[in-house]
C-alpha atoms as a PDB file:
ATOM      1  CA  MET A   1      -6.404  19.378 -39.401  1.00  0.00           C
ATOM      2  CA  PRO A   2      -7.809  19.639 -35.947  1.00  0.00           C
ATOM      3  CA  MET A   3      -7.079  23.052 -34.393  1.00  0.00           C
ATOM      4  CA  SER A   4      -5.081  21.328 -31.471  1.00  0.00           C
ATOM      5  CA  SER A   5      -2.550  20.421 -33.967  1.00  0.00           C
ATOM      6  CA  LEU A   6      -1.639  23.710 -35.305  1.00  0.00           C
ATOM      7  CA  PRO A   7       1.689  25.180 -34.189  1.00  0.00           C
ATOM      8  CA  THR A   8       1.724  27.861 -31.857  1.00  0.00           C
ATOM      9  CA  PRO A   9       2.937  31.289 -32.994  1.00  0.00           C
ATOM     10  CA  THR A  10       6.290  32.112 -30.903  1.00  0.00           C
ATOM     11  CA  PRO A  11       7.012  36.016 -30.524  1.00  0.00           C
ATOM     12  CA  THR A  12      10.206  37.056 -32.155  1.00  0.00           C
ATOM     13  CA  GLY A  13      11.016  39.728 -29.445  1.00  0.00           C
ATOM     14  CA  THR A  14      10.827  42.620 -31.979  1.00  0.00           C
ATOM     15  CA  THR A  15      10.007  46.010 -30.367  1.00  0.00           C
ATOM     16  CA  LEU A  16       8.270  48.971 -32.213  1.00  0.00           C
ATOM     17  CA  PRO A  17       9.999  52.478 -31.949  1.00  0.00           C
ATOM     18  CA  VAL A  18       8.429  54.633 -29.440  1.00  0.00           C
ATOM     19  CA  PRO A  19       6.688  57.514 -31.465  1.00  0.00           C
ATOM     20  CA  LYS A  20       8.115  61.010 -30.658  1.00  0.00           C
ATOM     21  CA  VAL A  21       7.258  64.557 -31.731  1.00  0.00           C
ATOM     22  CA  SER A  22       9.211  67.778 -31.684  1.00  0.00           C
ATOM     23  CA  VAL A  23       7.911  71.148 -32.708  1.00  0.00           C
ATOM     24  CA  SER A  24       9.266  73.930 -34.800  1.00  0.00           C
ATOM     25  CA  VAL A  25       8.137  76.566 -32.430  1.00  0.00           C
ATOM     26  CA  GLY A  26       7.801  76.415 -28.865  1.00  0.00           C
ATOM     27  CA  THR A  27       4.105  74.930 -28.286  1.00  0.00           C
ATOM     28  CA  ASN A  28       1.981  75.146 -25.192  1.00  0.00           C
ATOM     29  CA  CYS A  29       0.892  71.885 -23.478  1.00  0.00           C
ATOM     30  CA  ARG A  30      -2.744  71.759 -22.056  1.00  0.00           C
ATOM     31  CA  THR A  31      -5.170  69.806 -20.181  1.00  0.00           C
ATOM     32  CA  GLY A  32      -7.336  69.557 -23.165  1.00  0.00           C
ATOM     33  CA  PRO A  33      -7.535  70.405 -26.783  1.00  0.00           C
ATOM     34  CA  GLY A  34      -7.674  74.293 -27.079  1.00  0.00           C
ATOM     35  CA  LYS A  35      -6.965  77.413 -25.505  1.00  0.00           C
ATOM     36  CA  THR A  36      -9.838  77.170 -22.951  1.00  0.00           C
ATOM     37  CA  TYR A  37      -7.711  74.331 -21.402  1.00  0.00           C
ATOM     38  CA  ALA A  38      -5.134  75.380 -18.511  1.00  0.00           C
ATOM     39  CA  TYR A  39      -1.577  75.408 -19.455  1.00  0.00           C
ATOM     40  CA  ILE A  40       0.384  72.818 -17.717  1.00  0.00           C
ATOM     41  CA  GLY A  41       3.675  72.847 -19.915  1.00  0.00           C
ATOM     42  CA  GLU A  42       5.646  73.511 -22.845  1.00  0.00           C
ATOM     43  CA  LEU A  43       7.354  71.588 -25.522  1.00  0.00           C
ATOM     44  CA  LYS A  44      10.650  73.659 -26.511  1.00  0.00           C
ATOM     45  CA  VAL A  45      12.285  73.631 -29.930  1.00  0.00           C
ATOM     46  CA  GLY A  46      14.838  71.084 -29.925  1.00  0.00           C
ATOM     47  CA  GLU A  47      12.936  68.830 -27.405  1.00  0.00           C
ATOM     48  CA  THR A  48      11.140  65.777 -27.985  1.00  0.00           C
ATOM     49  CA  ALA A  49       8.104  64.037 -26.375  1.00  0.00           C
ATOM     50  CA  GLU A  50       6.837  60.456 -26.261  1.00  0.00           C
ATOM     51  CA  VAL A  51       3.397  60.298 -28.133  1.00  0.00           C
ATOM     52  CA  VAL A  52       0.577  58.514 -26.280  1.00  0.00           C
ATOM     53  CA  GLY A  53      -2.154  59.397 -28.724  1.00  0.00           C
ATOM     54  CA  LYS A  54      -3.446  61.817 -31.390  1.00  0.00           C
ATOM     55  CA  LYS A  55      -6.952  63.661 -32.041  1.00  0.00           C
ATOM     56  CA  THR A  56      -6.625  64.171 -35.765  1.00  0.00           C
ATOM     57  CA  SER A  57     -10.005  66.273 -35.943  1.00  0.00           C
ATOM     58  CA  TYR A  58      -8.684  68.738 -33.804  1.00  0.00           C
ATOM     59  CA  ASN A  59      -4.953  68.623 -34.807  1.00  0.00           C
ATOM     60  CA  TYR A  60      -3.938  67.923 -31.243  1.00  0.00           C
ATOM     61  CA  TRP A  61      -1.265  65.415 -30.070  1.00  0.00           C
ATOM     62  CA  ILE A  62      -1.489  63.859 -26.694  1.00  0.00           C
ATOM     63  CA  ILE A  63       2.166  63.292 -25.363  1.00  0.00           C
ATOM     64  CA  LYS A  64       3.878  62.771 -22.096  1.00  0.00           C
ATOM     65  CA  ASN A  65       4.231  66.073 -20.596  1.00  0.00           C
ATOM     66  CA  PRO A  66       7.993  67.167 -21.022  1.00  0.00           C
ATOM     67  CA  SER A  67       7.493  69.705 -17.975  1.00  0.00           C
ATOM     68  CA  ALA A  68       5.767  67.574 -15.440  1.00  0.00           C
ATOM     69  CA  SER A  69       4.596  64.199 -14.774  1.00  0.00           C
ATOM     70  CA  GLY A  70       1.437  62.817 -16.715  1.00  0.00           C
ATOM     71  CA  THR A  71       0.222  63.610 -20.171  1.00  0.00           C
ATOM     72  CA  CYS A  72      -0.855  66.704 -22.094  1.00  0.00           C
ATOM     73  CA  TRP A  73      -2.193  68.126 -25.412  1.00  0.00           C
ATOM     74  CA  LEU A  74       0.160  69.653 -28.003  1.00  0.00           C
ATOM     75  CA  TRP A  75      -1.362  71.788 -30.810  1.00  0.00           C
ATOM     76  CA  GLY A  76      -0.138  70.120 -33.897  1.00  0.00           C
ATOM     77  CA  GLU A  77       0.321  73.118 -35.967  1.00  0.00           C
ATOM     78  CA  TYR A  78       4.240  73.181 -35.323  1.00  0.00           C
ATOM     79  CA  ALA A  79       4.792  69.527 -34.539  1.00  0.00           C
ATOM     80  CA  ILE A  80       7.468  67.855 -37.039  1.00  0.00           C
END
């Protein structure tokens, strides 16, 4: 069968849920993965934040900063 006669896939409109994270203990949000980076916010117990990425080798989550615009790094020890 020639390639031009193959059907074109049609998107179904299904959207994936946005990944979120919360914490069991209030956790600092920093400009990078570690205490040496500047504090720029905090994720408090009961709050959730959108996950942008994760650095598993350092156990850090990159999230949308709940305290300001932009993103920040959240230590994953208390992430739930």
